């Protein structure tokens, strides 16, 4: 008779509710724990990072890390009429985000129209 491996996420069962991170598949959980904190830190402190002018013009939407090419891209939603301001300050935003976190978190910024 073949031994069937345990297919649950946890080996031991605990009575009651499980935490959200324990219900996710293992690969997704690792990415969520690594990048989820940093992205939420950027969204909470967006006004401090970019200043009042750019805070009114744009906001972060999502983060994408492309492993094979080494691209770490932040997608930013830009309000209509502020596209040129944000386009010219793209490099400044990248430097400010990386200085805020202490290492290179973002390589590129993609602007999305709101």
N, C-alpha and C. Protein backbone atom coordinates (compact mmCIF):
# COMPACT_ATOMS: atom_id res chain seq x y z
N UNK A 1 0.83 -1.18 0.00
CA UNK A 1 0.00 0.00 0.00
C UNK A 1 0.88 1.24 0.00
N UNK A 2 0.59 2.19 -0.86
CA UNK A 2 1.39 3.40 -0.96
C UNK A 2 0.98 4.39 0.13
N UNK A 3 1.99 5.12 0.61
CA UNK A 3 1.74 6.14 1.63
C UNK A 3 1.32 7.43 0.94
N UNK A 4 0.23 7.99 1.34
CA UNK A 4 -0.28 9.22 0.75
C UNK A 4 0.24 10.40 1.57
N UNK A 5 0.89 11.34 0.90
CA UNK A 5 1.43 12.50 1.62
C UNK A 5 0.31 13.46 2.01
N UNK A 6 0.58 14.23 3.01
CA UNK A 6 -0.40 15.20 3.51
C UNK A 6 -0.52 16.34 2.51
N UNK A 7 -1.72 16.65 2.07
CA UNK A 7 -1.92 17.68 1.05
C UNK A 7 -2.30 19.03 1.64
N UNK A 8 -2.45 19.10 2.94
CA UNK A 8 -2.79 20.37 3.56
C UNK A 8 -1.57 21.27 3.66
N UNK A 9 -1.82 22.56 3.88
CA UNK A 9 -0.72 23.51 4.04
C UNK A 9 0.01 23.29 5.36
N UNK A 10 -0.73 23.02 6.41
CA UNK A 10 -0.14 22.78 7.72
C UNK A 10 -0.17 21.30 8.01
N UNK A 11 0.84 20.81 8.67
CA UNK A 11 0.88 19.39 9.04
C UNK A 11 -0.01 19.13 10.24
N UNK A 12 -0.06 20.06 11.18
CA UNK A 12 -0.89 19.90 12.36
C UNK A 12 -2.17 20.70 12.18
N UNK A 13 -3.26 20.14 12.59
CA UNK A 13 -4.50 20.88 12.48
C UNK A 13 -4.75 21.65 13.77
N UNK A 14 -5.22 22.88 13.60
CA UNK A 14 -5.51 23.74 14.74
C UNK A 14 -6.99 24.07 14.69
N UNK A 15 -7.61 23.98 15.84
CA UNK A 15 -9.03 24.24 15.90
C UNK A 15 -9.27 25.75 15.79
N UNK A 16 -10.27 26.15 15.05
CA UNK A 16 -10.61 27.55 14.90
C UNK A 16 -10.20 28.09 13.55
N UNK A 17 -10.10 29.39 13.45
CA UNK A 17 -9.77 30.05 12.19
C UNK A 17 -8.27 30.02 11.94
N UNK A 18 -7.92 29.86 10.68
CA UNK A 18 -6.51 29.95 10.28
C UNK A 18 -6.23 31.36 9.80
N UNK A 19 -4.98 31.76 9.90
CA UNK A 19 -4.62 33.09 9.42
C UNK A 19 -4.66 33.10 7.89
N UNK A 20 -4.75 34.30 7.32
CA UNK A 20 -4.87 34.45 5.88
C UNK A 20 -3.64 33.90 5.16
N UNK A 21 -2.45 34.13 5.70
CA UNK A 21 -1.24 33.69 5.02
C UNK A 21 -1.12 32.17 4.99
N UNK A 22 -1.74 31.46 5.95
CA UNK A 22 -1.67 30.01 5.96
C UNK A 22 -2.61 29.38 4.94
N UNK A 23 -3.59 30.10 4.47
CA UNK A 23 -4.53 29.56 3.49
C UNK A 23 -4.01 29.69 2.06
N UNK A 24 -3.02 30.57 1.83
CA UNK A 24 -2.46 30.77 0.50
C UNK A 24 -1.52 29.63 0.12
N UNK A 25 -1.37 29.34 -1.17
CA UNK A 25 -0.36 28.37 -1.61
C UNK A 25 1.04 28.87 -1.26
N UNK A 26 1.97 27.95 -1.15
CA UNK A 26 3.30 28.26 -0.62
C UNK A 26 4.05 29.31 -1.44
N UNK A 27 4.04 29.20 -2.78
CA UNK A 27 4.77 30.15 -3.63
C UNK A 27 4.19 31.55 -3.54
N UNK A 28 2.88 31.65 -3.54
CA UNK A 28 2.23 32.96 -3.45
C UNK A 28 2.48 33.56 -2.07
N UNK A 29 2.46 32.74 -1.05
CA UNK A 29 2.67 33.22 0.32
C UNK A 29 4.06 33.83 0.46
N UNK A 30 5.09 33.21 -0.14
CA UNK A 30 6.44 33.74 -0.05
C UNK A 30 6.54 35.11 -0.70
N UNK A 31 5.97 35.27 -1.89
CA UNK A 31 6.00 36.56 -2.58
C UNK A 31 5.19 37.60 -1.83
N UNK A 32 4.06 37.20 -1.29
CA UNK A 32 3.20 38.13 -0.56
C UNK A 32 3.90 38.66 0.68
N UNK A 33 4.58 37.79 1.40
CA UNK A 33 5.25 38.22 2.62
C UNK A 33 6.46 39.10 2.32
N UNK A 34 7.16 38.83 1.21
CA UNK A 34 8.34 39.63 0.88
C UNK A 34 7.97 41.02 0.35
N UNK A 35 7.12 41.08 -0.65
CA UNK A 35 6.84 42.33 -1.34
C UNK A 35 5.60 43.05 -0.84
N UNK A 36 4.70 42.37 -0.19
CA UNK A 36 3.47 42.98 0.28
C UNK A 36 3.70 44.07 1.30
N UNK A 37 4.63 43.84 2.22
CA UNK A 37 4.94 44.83 3.24
C UNK A 37 5.53 46.10 2.64
N UNK A 38 6.44 45.94 1.70
CA UNK A 38 7.12 47.11 1.13
C UNK A 38 6.16 47.94 0.28
N UNK A 39 5.30 47.28 -0.50
CA UNK A 39 4.35 48.02 -1.32
C UNK A 39 3.36 48.77 -0.43
N UNK A 40 2.90 48.16 0.64
CA UNK A 40 1.97 48.85 1.54
C UNK A 40 2.66 50.00 2.25
N UNK A 41 3.95 49.85 2.54
CA UNK A 41 4.71 50.94 3.16
C UNK A 41 4.81 52.13 2.21
N UNK A 42 4.99 51.85 0.91
CA UNK A 42 5.05 52.93 -0.08
C UNK A 42 3.71 53.63 -0.20
N UNK A 43 2.62 52.87 -0.26
CA UNK A 43 1.30 53.49 -0.41
C UNK A 43 0.92 54.33 0.81
N UNK A 44 1.28 53.88 2.00
CA UNK A 44 0.96 54.64 3.20
C UNK A 44 1.76 55.94 3.28
N UNK A 45 3.01 55.90 2.86
CA UNK A 45 3.89 57.06 2.97
C UNK A 45 4.09 57.78 1.65
N UNK A 46 3.17 57.63 0.71
CA UNK A 46 3.31 58.23 -0.62
C UNK A 46 3.43 59.75 -0.56
N UNK A 47 2.65 60.39 0.29
CA UNK A 47 2.68 61.85 0.40
C UNK A 47 4.03 62.32 0.92
N UNK A 48 4.60 61.59 1.86
CA UNK A 48 5.92 61.94 2.41
C UNK A 48 7.02 61.73 1.37
N UNK A 49 6.90 60.66 0.59
CA UNK A 49 7.95 60.32 -0.38
C UNK A 49 7.99 61.32 -1.53
N UNK A 50 6.86 61.61 -2.16
CA UNK A 50 6.87 62.43 -3.37
C UNK A 50 6.53 63.90 -3.14
N UNK A 51 5.93 64.25 -2.03
CA UNK A 51 5.56 65.64 -1.78
C UNK A 51 4.10 65.91 -2.13
N UNK A 52 3.65 67.10 -1.77
CA UNK A 52 2.25 67.46 -1.95
C UNK A 52 1.84 67.59 -3.42
N UNK A 53 2.71 68.21 -4.23
CA UNK A 53 2.35 68.44 -5.64
C UNK A 53 2.12 67.13 -6.40
N UNK A 54 3.07 66.21 -6.29
CA UNK A 54 2.93 64.94 -6.99
C UNK A 54 1.91 64.02 -6.33
N UNK A 55 1.68 64.19 -5.04
CA UNK A 55 0.65 63.40 -4.37
C UNK A 55 -0.73 63.71 -4.93
N UNK A 56 -0.99 64.97 -5.26
CA UNK A 56 -2.26 65.35 -5.86
C UNK A 56 -2.39 64.87 -7.30
N UNK A 57 -1.23 64.66 -7.97
CA UNK A 57 -1.24 64.30 -9.38
C UNK A 57 -1.28 62.80 -9.63
N UNK A 58 -0.70 62.00 -8.72
CA UNK A 58 -0.59 60.56 -8.99
C UNK A 58 -0.62 59.75 -7.70
N UNK A 59 -0.82 58.44 -7.87
CA UNK A 59 -0.80 57.52 -6.74
C UNK A 59 -0.34 56.15 -7.22
N UNK A 60 0.32 55.35 -6.37
CA UNK A 60 0.79 54.03 -6.80
C UNK A 60 -0.38 53.06 -6.96
N UNK A 61 -0.32 52.24 -8.01
CA UNK A 61 -1.39 51.26 -8.26
C UNK A 61 -0.94 49.84 -7.96
N UNK A 62 0.22 49.43 -8.50
CA UNK A 62 0.69 48.07 -8.28
C UNK A 62 2.20 48.00 -8.48
N UNK A 63 2.76 46.85 -8.09
CA UNK A 63 4.20 46.61 -8.23
C UNK A 63 4.39 45.29 -8.95
N UNK A 64 5.33 45.26 -9.91
CA UNK A 64 5.60 44.04 -10.65
C UNK A 64 7.10 43.80 -10.69
N UNK A 65 7.51 42.58 -10.31
CA UNK A 65 8.91 42.19 -10.32
C UNK A 65 9.09 41.12 -11.38
N UNK A 66 9.85 41.43 -12.44
CA UNK A 66 10.12 40.47 -13.50
C UNK A 66 11.50 39.88 -13.23
N UNK A 67 11.54 38.63 -12.77
CA UNK A 67 12.77 38.04 -12.25
C UNK A 67 13.84 37.84 -13.32
N UNK A 68 13.51 37.31 -14.48
CA UNK A 68 14.51 36.97 -15.48
C UNK A 68 15.24 38.19 -16.03
N UNK A 69 14.54 39.30 -16.18
CA UNK A 69 15.16 40.50 -16.75
C UNK A 69 15.66 41.47 -15.70
N UNK A 70 15.32 41.27 -14.44
CA UNK A 70 15.79 42.17 -13.38
C UNK A 70 15.02 43.47 -13.30
N UNK A 71 13.86 43.54 -13.92
CA UNK A 71 13.06 44.76 -13.91
C UNK A 71 12.13 44.75 -12.71
N UNK A 72 12.17 45.83 -11.95
CA UNK A 72 11.26 46.03 -10.82
C UNK A 72 10.46 47.29 -11.13
N UNK A 73 9.20 47.11 -11.49
CA UNK A 73 8.42 48.22 -12.02
C UNK A 73 7.26 48.57 -11.09
N UNK A 74 7.10 49.86 -10.86
CA UNK A 74 5.98 50.38 -10.09
C UNK A 74 5.01 51.05 -11.06
N UNK A 75 3.75 50.63 -11.03
CA UNK A 75 2.72 51.24 -11.87
C UNK A 75 2.05 52.36 -11.09
N UNK A 76 1.97 53.53 -11.72
CA UNK A 76 1.42 54.71 -11.07
C UNK A 76 0.24 55.23 -11.86
N UNK A 77 -0.87 55.49 -11.16
CA UNK A 77 -2.05 56.09 -11.78
C UNK A 77 -1.88 57.61 -11.77
N UNK A 78 -2.00 58.22 -12.94
CA UNK A 78 -1.81 59.66 -13.09
C UNK A 78 -3.13 60.30 -13.49
N UNK A 79 -3.49 61.38 -12.82
CA UNK A 79 -4.70 62.11 -13.17
C UNK A 79 -4.51 62.84 -14.49
N UNK A 80 -5.61 63.03 -15.20
CA UNK A 80 -5.56 63.70 -16.49
C UNK A 80 -5.07 65.15 -16.32
N UNK A 81 -4.13 65.52 -17.16
CA UNK A 81 -3.58 66.87 -17.13
C UNK A 81 -2.24 66.96 -16.41
N UNK A 82 -1.89 65.96 -15.63
CA UNK A 82 -0.63 65.96 -14.88
C UNK A 82 0.41 65.02 -15.48
N UNK A 83 0.16 64.49 -16.66
CA UNK A 83 1.06 63.50 -17.25
C UNK A 83 2.47 64.04 -17.47
N UNK A 84 2.59 65.27 -17.96
CA UNK A 84 3.92 65.81 -18.24
C UNK A 84 4.72 66.06 -16.97
N UNK A 85 4.07 66.54 -15.91
CA UNK A 85 4.77 66.76 -14.64
C UNK A 85 5.34 65.47 -14.09
N UNK A 86 4.52 64.43 -14.11
CA UNK A 86 4.96 63.14 -13.56
C UNK A 86 6.02 62.52 -14.48
N UNK A 87 5.88 62.69 -15.78
CA UNK A 87 6.86 62.15 -16.72
C UNK A 87 8.24 62.76 -16.49
N UNK A 88 8.30 64.07 -16.29
CA UNK A 88 9.59 64.73 -16.06
C UNK A 88 10.18 64.40 -14.69
N UNK A 89 9.36 64.08 -13.72
CA UNK A 89 9.86 63.78 -12.38
C UNK A 89 9.95 62.27 -12.12
N UNK A 90 9.95 61.47 -13.16
CA UNK A 90 10.01 60.02 -13.05
C UNK A 90 11.28 59.55 -12.33
N UNK A 91 12.43 60.05 -12.73
CA UNK A 91 13.71 59.66 -12.11
C UNK A 91 13.79 60.11 -10.65
N UNK A 92 13.23 61.27 -10.37
CA UNK A 92 13.23 61.79 -8.99
C UNK A 92 12.39 60.89 -8.09
N UNK A 93 11.25 60.43 -8.59
CA UNK A 93 10.38 59.53 -7.82
C UNK A 93 11.10 58.22 -7.52
N UNK A 94 11.80 57.67 -8.52
CA UNK A 94 12.54 56.42 -8.32
C UNK A 94 13.61 56.60 -7.24
N UNK A 95 14.35 57.70 -7.31
CA UNK A 95 15.40 57.96 -6.30
C UNK A 95 14.80 58.13 -4.91
N UNK A 96 13.69 58.85 -4.81
CA UNK A 96 13.07 59.07 -3.51
C UNK A 96 12.54 57.77 -2.89
N UNK A 97 11.94 56.91 -3.71
CA UNK A 97 11.43 55.62 -3.20
C UNK A 97 12.58 54.75 -2.72
N UNK A 98 13.64 54.66 -3.52
CA UNK A 98 14.78 53.84 -3.14
C UNK A 98 15.49 54.38 -1.90
N UNK A 99 15.58 55.70 -1.77
CA UNK A 99 16.18 56.30 -0.57
C UNK A 99 15.30 56.06 0.65
N UNK A 100 14.00 56.10 0.48
CA UNK A 100 13.08 55.88 1.59
C UNK A 100 13.20 54.46 2.15
N UNK A 101 13.31 53.48 1.24
CA UNK A 101 13.40 52.08 1.67
C UNK A 101 14.83 51.65 2.01
N UNK A 102 15.82 52.36 1.51
CA UNK A 102 17.20 52.04 1.85
C UNK A 102 17.92 51.15 0.86
N UNK A 103 17.25 50.68 -0.16
CA UNK A 103 17.89 49.89 -1.21
C UNK A 103 17.07 50.01 -2.49
N UNK A 104 17.57 49.41 -3.58
CA UNK A 104 16.90 49.57 -4.88
C UNK A 104 15.67 48.67 -4.95
N UNK A 105 14.52 49.26 -4.77
CA UNK A 105 13.25 48.55 -4.83
C UNK A 105 12.59 48.71 -6.18
N UNK A 106 12.84 49.84 -6.86
CA UNK A 106 12.20 50.15 -8.14
C UNK A 106 13.26 50.53 -9.16
N UNK A 107 13.17 49.95 -10.37
CA UNK A 107 14.02 50.33 -11.50
C UNK A 107 13.30 51.26 -12.46
N UNK A 108 12.05 50.94 -12.71
CA UNK A 108 11.26 51.67 -13.71
C UNK A 108 9.91 52.04 -13.14
N UNK A 109 9.31 53.04 -13.76
CA UNK A 109 7.96 53.45 -13.41
C UNK A 109 7.13 53.47 -14.70
N UNK A 110 5.95 52.86 -14.63
CA UNK A 110 5.03 52.88 -15.76
C UNK A 110 3.85 53.76 -15.37
N UNK A 111 3.53 54.73 -16.22
CA UNK A 111 2.44 55.65 -15.96
C UNK A 111 1.15 55.14 -16.61
N UNK A 112 0.11 55.10 -15.81
CA UNK A 112 -1.21 54.68 -16.29
C UNK A 112 -2.17 55.85 -16.14
N UNK A 113 -2.99 56.07 -17.14
CA UNK A 113 -3.94 57.19 -17.10
C UNK A 113 -5.14 56.83 -16.25
N UNK A 114 -5.56 57.75 -15.43
CA UNK A 114 -6.69 57.54 -14.53
C UNK A 114 -8.00 57.80 -15.21
